[in-house]
Amino acid sequence: MKRVIALFTLLALSACSKLTMSNYDQLKAGMSYRDVVEILGNADRCEDLVANRECIWGNKDGRHIQVNFVAGAAVYFNQSSL
């Protein structure tokens, strides 16, 4: 019974994923991090560099959306396996 519940939970969570092409297509240059979070949810990982912030939603080596921000505004978008 526990396996059935665990499987159902995993399927439900994957169905609710915000890593979709439809959400990726909503991203626009100039959006703030907060704007992007409204579409994709919280990032799985962000790395702050000198004037650049790179955030990844998903798994960098698999299905993901990457957004780079400069001075708080989105300037670069990338996706894989959506």
PDB file of N, CA and C in Angstrom:
ATOM      1  N   MET A   1       0.821  -1.198   0.000  1.00  0.00           N
ATOM      2  CA  MET A   1       0.000   0.000   0.000  1.00  0.00           C
ATOM      3  C   MET A   1       0.867   1.267   0.000  1.00  0.00           C
ATOM      4  N   LYS A   2       1.962   1.216   0.771  1.00  0.00           N
ATOM      5  CA  LYS A   2       2.855   2.377   0.826  1.00  0.00           C
ATOM      6  C   LYS A   2       3.457   2.673  -0.545  1.00  0.00           C
ATOM      7  N   ARG A   3       3.757   1.620  -1.305  1.00  0.00           N
ATOM      8  CA  ARG A   3       4.331   1.817  -2.641  1.00  0.00           C
ATOM      9  C   ARG A   3       3.325   2.485  -3.568  1.00  0.00           C
ATOM     10  N   VAL A   4       2.078   2.108  -3.459  1.00  0.00           N
ATOM     11  CA  VAL A   4       1.037   2.707  -4.291  1.00  0.00           C
ATOM     12  C   VAL A   4       0.895   4.187  -3.975  1.00  0.00           C
ATOM     13  N   ILE A   5       0.910   4.526  -2.695  1.00  0.00           N
ATOM     14  CA  ILE A   5       0.801   5.930  -2.286  1.00  0.00           C
ATOM     15  C   ILE A   5       2.023   6.718  -2.767  1.00  0.00           C
ATOM     16  N   ALA A   6       3.209   6.141  -2.616  1.00  0.00           N
ATOM     17  CA  ALA A   6       4.432   6.816  -3.061  1.00  0.00           C
ATOM     18  C   ALA A   6       4.411   7.025  -4.572  1.00  0.00           C
ATOM     19  N   LEU A   7       3.985   6.019  -5.324  1.00  0.00           N
ATOM     20  CA  LEU A   7       3.914   6.141  -6.775  1.00  0.00           C
ATOM     21  C   LEU A   7       2.910   7.215  -7.184  1.00  0.00           C
ATOM     22  N   PHE A   8       1.751   7.212  -6.556  1.00  0.00           N
ATOM     23  CA  PHE A   8       0.730   8.221  -6.840  1.00  0.00           C
ATOM     24  C   PHE A   8       1.252   9.624  -6.543  1.00  0.00           C
ATOM     25  N   THR A   9       1.945   9.776  -5.433  1.00  0.00           N
ATOM     26  CA  THR A   9       2.506  11.082  -5.064  1.00  0.00           C
ATOM     27  C   THR A   9       3.514  11.552  -6.105  1.00  0.00           C
ATOM     28  N   LEU A  10       4.397  10.668  -6.548  1.00  0.00           N
ATOM     29  CA  LEU A  10       5.391  11.037  -7.566  1.00  0.00           C
ATOM     30  C   LEU A  10       4.725  11.423  -8.875  1.00  0.00           C
ATOM     31  N   LEU A  11       3.717  10.677  -9.279  1.00  0.00           N
ATOM     32  CA  LEU A  11       3.004  11.005 -10.511  1.00  0.00           C
ATOM     33  C   LEU A  11       2.287  12.344 -10.399  1.00  0.00           C
ATOM     34  N   ALA A  12       1.696  12.604  -9.260  1.00  0.00           N
ATOM     35  CA  ALA A  12       0.995  13.871  -9.056  1.00  0.00           C
ATOM     36  C   ALA A  12       1.971  15.039  -9.089  1.00  0.00           C
ATOM     37  N   LEU A  13       3.126  14.879  -8.464  1.00  0.00           N
ATOM     38  CA  LEU A  13       4.116  15.960  -8.464  1.00  0.00           C
ATOM     39  C   LEU A  13       4.674  16.202  -9.851  1.00  0.00           C
ATOM     40  N   SER A  14       4.927  15.159 -10.610  1.00  0.00           N
ATOM     41  CA  SER A  14       5.465  15.357 -11.956  1.00  0.00           C
ATOM     42  C   SER A  14       4.434  16.001 -12.868  1.00  0.00           C
ATOM     43  N   ALA A  15       3.180  15.730 -12.646  1.00  0.00           N
ATOM     44  CA  ALA A  15       2.123  16.340 -13.453  1.00  0.00           C
ATOM     45  C   ALA A  15       1.997  17.826 -13.162  1.00  0.00           C
ATOM     46  N   CYS A  16       2.398  18.247 -11.981  1.00  0.00           N
ATOM     47  CA  CYS A  16       2.291  19.646 -11.576  1.00  0.00           C
ATOM     48  C   CYS A  16       3.558  20.430 -11.889  1.00  0.00           C
ATOM     49  N   SER A  17       4.511  19.815 -12.570  1.00  0.00           N
ATOM     50  CA  SER A  17       5.778  20.472 -12.852  1.00  0.00           C
ATOM     51  C   SER A  17       5.566  21.757 -13.641  1.00  0.00           C
ATOM     52  N   LYS A  18       6.318  22.760 -13.268  1.00  0.00           N
ATOM     53  CA  LYS A  18       6.250  24.028 -13.988  1.00  0.00           C
ATOM     54  C   LYS A  18       7.304  24.088 -15.087  1.00  0.00           C
ATOM     55  N   LEU A  19       8.048  22.999 -15.263  1.00  0.00           N
ATOM     56  CA  LEU A  19       9.058  22.936 -16.318  1.00  0.00           C
ATOM     57  C   LEU A  19       8.397  22.486 -17.610  1.00  0.00           C
ATOM     58  N   THR A  20       7.703  23.426 -18.234  1.00  0.00           N
ATOM     59  CA  THR A  20       7.012  23.142 -19.484  1.00  0.00           C
ATOM     60  C   THR A  20       7.427  24.159 -20.544  1.00  0.00           C
ATOM     61  N   MET A  21       7.262  23.787 -21.791  1.00  0.00           N
ATOM     62  CA  MET A  21       7.565  24.712 -22.884  1.00  0.00           C
ATOM     63  C   MET A  21       6.636  25.917 -22.821  1.00  0.00           C
ATOM     64  N   SER A  22       5.407  25.697 -22.408  1.00  0.00           N
ATOM     65  CA  SER A  22       4.450  26.792 -22.285  1.00  0.00           C
ATOM     66  C   SER A  22       4.945  27.840 -21.285  1.00  0.00           C
ATOM     67  N   ASN A  23       5.443  27.394 -20.139  1.00  0.00           N
ATOM     68  CA  ASN A  23       5.979  28.344 -19.155  1.00  0.00           C
ATOM     69  C   ASN A  23       7.276  28.972 -19.653  1.00  0.00           C
ATOM     70  N   TYR A  24       8.116  28.184 -20.309  1.00  0.00           N
ATOM     71  CA  TYR A  24       9.366  28.728 -20.865  1.00  0.00           C
ATOM     72  C   TYR A  24       9.061  29.853 -21.857  1.00  0.00           C
ATOM     73  N   ASP A  25       8.037  29.653 -22.676  1.00  0.00           N
ATOM     74  CA  ASP A  25       7.668  30.655 -23.677  1.00  0.00           C
ATOM     75  C   ASP A  25       7.150  31.957 -23.057  1.00  0.00           C
ATOM     76  N   GLN A  26       6.759  31.931 -21.801  1.00  0.00           N
ATOM     77  CA  GLN A  26       6.284  33.136 -21.117  1.00  0.00           C
ATOM     78  C   GLN A  26       7.427  34.026 -20.633  1.00  0.00           C
ATOM     79  N   LEU A  27       8.643  33.488 -20.587  1.00  0.00           N
ATOM     80  CA  LEU A  27       9.788  34.259 -20.097  1.00  0.00           C
ATOM     81  C   LEU A  27      10.181  35.312 -21.124  1.00  0.00           C
ATOM     82  N   LYS A  28      10.420  36.517 -20.655  1.00  0.00           N
ATOM     83  CA  LYS A  28      10.773  37.635 -21.525  1.00  0.00           C
ATOM     84  C   LYS A  28      11.986  38.379 -20.966  1.00  0.00           C
ATOM     85  N   ALA A  29      12.782  38.925 -21.860  1.00  0.00           N
ATOM     86  CA  ALA A  29      13.919  39.740 -21.438  1.00  0.00           C
ATOM     87  C   ALA A  29      13.415  40.907 -20.601  1.00  0.00           C
ATOM     88  N   GLY A  30      14.161  41.211 -19.551  1.00  0.00           N
ATOM     89  CA  GLY A  30      13.821  42.328 -18.682  1.00  0.00           C
ATOM     90  C   GLY A  30      13.013  41.933 -17.457  1.00  0.00           C
ATOM     91  N   MET A  31      12.509  40.683 -17.416  1.00  0.00           N
ATOM     92  CA  MET A  31      11.751  40.238 -16.246  1.00  0.00           C
ATOM     93  C   MET A  31      12.655  40.195 -15.019  1.00  0.00           C
ATOM     94  N   SER A  32      12.078  40.476 -13.865  1.00  0.00           N
ATOM     95  CA  SER A  32      12.825  40.365 -12.617  1.00  0.00           C
ATOM     96  C   SER A  32      12.809  38.907 -12.164  1.00  0.00           C
ATOM     97  N   TYR A  33      13.663  38.596 -11.196  1.00  0.00           N
ATOM     98  CA  TYR A  33      13.675  37.250 -10.623  1.00  0.00           C
ATOM     99  C   TYR A  33      12.297  36.917 -10.063  1.00  0.00           C
ATOM    100  N   ARG A  34      11.680  37.860  -9.398  1.00  0.00           N
ATOM    101  CA  ARG A  34      10.353  37.645  -8.815  1.00  0.00           C
ATOM    102  C   ARG A  34       9.318  37.314  -9.902  1.00  0.00           C
ATOM    103  N   ASP A  35       9.401  38.009 -11.046  1.00  0.00           N
ATOM    104  CA  ASP A  35       8.492  37.720 -12.170  1.00  0.00           C
ATOM    105  C   ASP A  35       8.673  36.282 -12.659  1.00  0.00           C
ATOM    106  N   VAL A  36       9.920  35.861 -12.767  1.00  0.00           N
ATOM    107  CA  VAL A  36      10.214  34.506 -13.245  1.00  0.00           C
ATOM    108  C   VAL A  36       9.724  33.473 -12.227  1.00  0.00           C
ATOM    109  N   VAL A  37       9.912  33.752 -10.941  1.00  0.00           N
ATOM    110  CA  VAL A  37       9.454  32.838  -9.893  1.00  0.00           C
ATOM    111  C   VAL A  37       7.935  32.684  -9.931  1.00  0.00           C
ATOM    112  N   GLU A  38       7.221  33.729 -10.292  1.00  0.00           N
ATOM    113  CA  GLU A  38       5.763  33.625 -10.409  1.00  0.00           C
ATOM    114  C   GLU A  38       5.360  32.609 -11.475  1.00  0.00           C
ATOM    115  N   ILE A  39       6.187  32.452 -12.491  1.00  0.00           N
ATOM    116  CA  ILE A  39       5.896  31.506 -13.574  1.00  0.00           C
ATOM    117  C   ILE A  39       6.429  30.106 -13.258  1.00  0.00           C
ATOM    118  N   LEU A  40       7.679  30.026 -12.792  1.00  0.00           N
ATOM    119  CA  LEU A  40       8.352  28.740 -12.639  1.00  0.00           C
ATOM    120  C   LEU A  40       8.418  28.215 -11.207  1.00  0.00           C
ATOM    121  N   GLY A  41       8.084  29.038 -10.225  1.00  0.00           N
ATOM    122  CA  GLY A  41       8.285  28.638  -8.831  1.00  0.00           C
ATOM    123  C   GLY A  41       9.715  28.949  -8.419  1.00  0.00           C
ATOM    124  N   ASN A  42      10.088  28.553  -7.219  1.00  0.00           N
ATOM    125  CA  ASN A  42      11.432  28.832  -6.714  1.00  0.00           C
ATOM    126  C   ASN A  42      12.482  28.041  -7.486  1.00  0.00           C
ATOM    127  N   ALA A  43      13.613  28.666  -7.738  1.00  0.00           N
ATOM    128  CA  ALA A  43      14.712  28.022  -8.462  1.00  0.00           C
ATOM    129  C   ALA A  43      15.292  26.892  -7.610  1.00  0.00           C
ATOM    130  N   ASP A  44      15.790  25.864  -8.287  1.00  0.00           N
ATOM    131  CA  ASP A  44      16.457  24.777  -7.585  1.00  0.00           C
ATOM    132  C   ASP A  44      17.882  25.160  -7.202  1.00  0.00           C
ATOM    133  N   ARG A  45      18.464  26.084  -7.971  1.00  0.00           N
ATOM    134  CA  ARG A  45      19.835  26.517  -7.669  1.00  0.00           C
ATOM    135  C   ARG A  45      20.087  27.861  -8.323  1.00  0.00           C
ATOM    136  N   CYS A  46      20.698  28.768  -7.580  1.00  0.00           N
ATOM    137  CA  CYS A  46      21.153  30.047  -8.132  1.00  0.00           C
ATOM    138  C   CYS A  46      22.607  30.250  -7.754  1.00  0.00           C
ATOM    139  N   GLU A  47      23.348  30.813  -8.672  1.00  0.00           N
ATOM    140  CA  GLU A  47      24.756  31.112  -8.431  1.00  0.00           C
ATOM    141  C   GLU A  47      24.983  32.579  -8.772  1.00  0.00           C
ATOM    142  N   ASP A  48      25.456  33.332  -7.797  1.00  0.00           N
ATOM    143  CA  ASP A  48      25.734  34.751  -8.003  1.00  0.00           C
ATOM    144  C   ASP A  48      27.195  34.939  -8.368  1.00  0.00           C
ATOM    145  N   LEU A  49      27.422  35.580  -9.509  1.00  0.00           N
ATOM    146  CA  LEU A  49      28.762  35.924  -9.954  1.00  0.00           C
ATOM    147  C   LEU A  49      28.906  37.432  -9.839  1.00  0.00           C
ATOM    148  N   VAL A  50      29.900  38.029 -10.432  1.00  0.00           N
ATOM    149  CA  VAL A  50      30.167  39.456 -10.264  1.00  0.00           C
ATOM    150  C   VAL A  50      28.937  40.307 -10.540  1.00  0.00           C
ATOM    151  N   ALA A  51      28.442  40.313 -11.745  1.00  0.00           N
ATOM    152  CA  ALA A  51      27.256  41.124 -12.072  1.00  0.00           C
ATOM    153  C   ALA A  51      26.163  40.251 -12.675  1.00  0.00           C
ATOM    154  N   ASN A  52      26.297  38.954 -12.499  1.00  0.00           N
ATOM    155  CA  ASN A  52      25.419  37.999 -13.155  1.00  0.00           C
ATOM    156  C   ASN A  52      24.869  37.015 -12.124  1.00  0.00           C
ATOM    157  N   ARG A  53      23.609  36.678 -12.254  1.00  0.00           N
ATOM    158  CA  ARG A  53      23.005  35.642 -11.411  1.00  0.00           C
ATOM    159  C   ARG A  53      22.433  34.583 -12.342  1.00  0.00           C
ATOM    160  N   GLU A  54      22.918  33.356 -12.202  1.00  0.00           N
ATOM    161  CA  GLU A  54      22.442  32.244 -13.020  1.00  0.00           C
ATOM    162  C   GLU A  54      21.565  31.358 -12.148  1.00  0.00           C
ATOM    163  N   CYS A  55      20.326  31.136 -12.582  1.00  0.00           N
ATOM    164  CA  CYS A  55      19.397  30.285 -11.832  1.00  0.00           C
ATOM    165  C   CYS A  55      18.933  29.132 -12.704  1.00  0.00           C
ATOM    166  N   ILE A  56      18.809  27.975 -12.067  1.00  0.00           N
ATOM    167  CA  ILE A  56      18.397  26.752 -12.743  1.00  0.00           C
ATOM    168  C   ILE A  56      17.136  26.224 -12.072  1.00  0.00           C
ATOM    169  N   TRP A  57      16.157  25.915 -12.879  1.00  0.00           N
ATOM    170  CA  TRP A  57      14.954  25.220 -12.435  1.00  0.00           C
ATOM    171  C   TRP A  57      15.046  23.827 -13.020  1.00  0.00           C
ATOM    172  N   GLY A  58      15.106  22.799 -12.183  1.00  0.00           N
ATOM    173  CA  GLY A  58      15.271  21.438 -12.646  1.00  0.00           C
ATOM    174  C   GLY A  58      16.689  20.964 -12.426  1.00  0.00           C
ATOM    175  N   ASN A  59      17.139  20.049 -13.264  1.00  0.00           N
ATOM    176  CA  ASN A  59      18.450  19.431 -13.141  1.00  0.00           C
ATOM    177  C   ASN A  59      19.341  19.899 -14.286  1.00  0.00           C
ATOM    178  N   LYS A  60      20.427  20.564 -13.975  1.00  0.00           N
ATOM    179  CA  LYS A  60      21.339  21.130 -14.986  1.00  0.00           C
ATOM    180  C   LYS A  60      21.758  20.093 -16.025  1.00  0.00           C
ATOM    181  N   ASP A  61      21.906  18.839 -15.619  1.00  0.00           N
ATOM    182  CA  ASP A  61      22.343  17.787 -16.538  1.00  0.00           C
ATOM    183  C   ASP A  61      21.180  17.063 -17.219  1.00  0.00           C
ATOM    184  N   GLY A  62      19.956  17.520 -16.968  1.00  0.00           N
ATOM    185  CA  GLY A  62      18.789  16.883 -17.570  1.00  0.00           C
ATOM    186  C   GLY A  62      17.758  17.926 -17.953  1.00  0.00           C
ATOM    187  N   ARG A  63      16.529  17.669 -17.599  1.00  0.00           N
ATOM    188  CA  ARG A  63      15.424  18.578 -17.907  1.00  0.00           C
ATOM    189  C   ARG A  63      15.551  19.829 -17.028  1.00  0.00           C
ATOM    190  N   HIS A  64      15.641  20.991 -17.679  1.00  0.00           N
ATOM    191  CA  HIS A  64      15.811  22.221 -16.898  1.00  0.00           C
ATOM    192  C   HIS A  64      15.480  23.465 -17.712  1.00  0.00           C
ATOM    193  N   ILE A  65      15.327  24.556 -16.971  1.00  0.00           N
ATOM    194  CA  ILE A  65      15.261  25.905 -17.537  1.00  0.00           C
ATOM    195  C   ILE A  65      16.320  26.714 -16.818  1.00  0.00           C
ATOM    196  N   GLN A  66      17.116  27.436 -17.589  1.00  0.00           N
ATOM    197  CA  GLN A  66      18.161  28.294 -17.034  1.00  0.00           C
ATOM    198  C   GLN A  66      17.843  29.733 -17.407  1.00  0.00           C
ATOM    199  N   VAL A  67      17.965  30.617 -16.428  1.00  0.00           N
ATOM    200  CA  VAL A  67      17.768  32.045 -16.682  1.00  0.00           C
ATOM    201  C   VAL A  67      18.943  32.790 -16.063  1.00  0.00           C
ATOM    202  N   ASN A  68      19.556  33.667 -16.844  1.00  0.00           N
ATOM    203  CA  ASN A  68      20.622  34.517 -16.332  1.00  0.00           C
ATOM    204  C   ASN A  68      20.086  35.934 -16.182  1.00  0.00           C
ATOM    205  N   PHE A  69      20.419  36.548 -15.064  1.00  0.00           N
ATOM    206  CA  PHE A  69      19.994  37.909 -14.756  1.00  0.00           C
ATOM    207  C   PHE A  69      21.224  38.804 -14.661  1.00  0.00           C
ATOM    208  N   VAL A  70      21.139  39.988 -15.232  1.00  0.00           N
ATOM    209  CA  VAL A  70      22.178  41.006 -15.104  1.00  0.00           C
ATOM    210  C   VAL A  70      21.500  42.245 -14.546  1.00  0.00           C
ATOM    211  N   ALA A  71      22.037  42.767 -13.464  1.00  0.00           N
ATOM    212  CA  ALA A  71      21.463  43.937 -12.792  1.00  0.00           C
ATOM    213  C   ALA A  71      19.983  43.705 -12.465  1.00  0.00           C
ATOM    214  N   GLY A  72      19.638  42.465 -12.093  1.00  0.00           N
ATOM    215  CA  GLY A  72      18.284  42.144 -11.676  1.00  0.00           C
ATOM    216  C   GLY A  72      17.287  41.875 -12.789  1.00  0.00           C
ATOM    217  N   ALA A  73      17.730  41.943 -14.049  1.00  0.00           N
ATOM    218  CA  ALA A  73      16.818  41.724 -15.182  1.00  0.00           C
ATOM    219  C   ALA A  73      17.253  40.493 -15.977  1.00  0.00           C
ATOM    220  N   ALA A  74      16.283  39.681 -16.376  1.00  0.00           N
ATOM    221  CA  ALA A  74      16.569  38.487 -17.166  1.00  0.00           C
ATOM    222  C   ALA A  74      17.104  38.886 -18.538  1.00  0.00           C
ATOM    223  N   VAL A  75      18.210  38.264 -18.937  1.00  0.00           N
ATOM    224  CA  VAL A  75      18.811  38.581 -20.236  1.00  0.00           C
ATOM    225  C   VAL A  75      19.057  37.350 -21.103  1.00  0.00           C
ATOM    226  N   TYR A  76      19.096  36.168 -20.502  1.00  0.00           N
ATOM    227  CA  TYR A  76      19.409  34.946 -21.251  1.00  0.00           C
ATOM    228  C   TYR A  76      18.532  33.817 -20.737  1.00  0.00           C
ATOM    229  N   PHE A  77      17.986  33.036 -21.663  1.00  0.00           N
ATOM    230  CA  PHE A  77      17.138  31.896 -21.329  1.00  0.00           C
ATOM    231  C   PHE A  77      17.647  30.673 -22.079  1.00  0.00           C
ATOM    232  N   ASN A  78      17.568  29.534 -21.431  1.00  0.00           N
ATOM    233  CA  ASN A  78      17.965  28.286 -22.045  1.00  0.00           C
ATOM    234  C   ASN A  78      17.097  27.174 -21.462  1.00  0.00           C
ATOM    235  N   GLN A  79      16.811  26.157 -22.257  1.00  0.00           N
ATOM    236  CA  GLN A  79      16.037  25.022 -21.754  1.00  0.00           C
ATOM    237  C   GLN A  79      16.589  23.747 -22.340  1.00  0.00           C
ATOM    238  N   SER A  80      16.298  22.644 -21.671  1.00  0.00           N
ATOM    239  CA  SER A  80      16.695  21.346 -22.171  1.00  0.00           C
ATOM    240  C   SER A  80      15.629  20.326 -21.827  1.00  0.00           C
ATOM    241  N   SER A  81      15.270  19.512 -22.804  1.00  0.00           N
ATOM    242  CA  SER A  81      14.361  18.376 -22.633  1.00  0.00           C
ATOM    243  C   SER A  81      12.960  18.734 -22.164  1.00  0.00           C
ATOM    244  N   LEU A  82      12.450  19.882 -22.555  1.00  0.00           N
ATOM    245  CA  LEU A  82      11.080  20.230 -22.170  1.00  0.00           C
ATOM    246  C   LEU A  82      10.084  19.599 -23.123  1.00  0.00           C
TER     247      LEU A  82
END
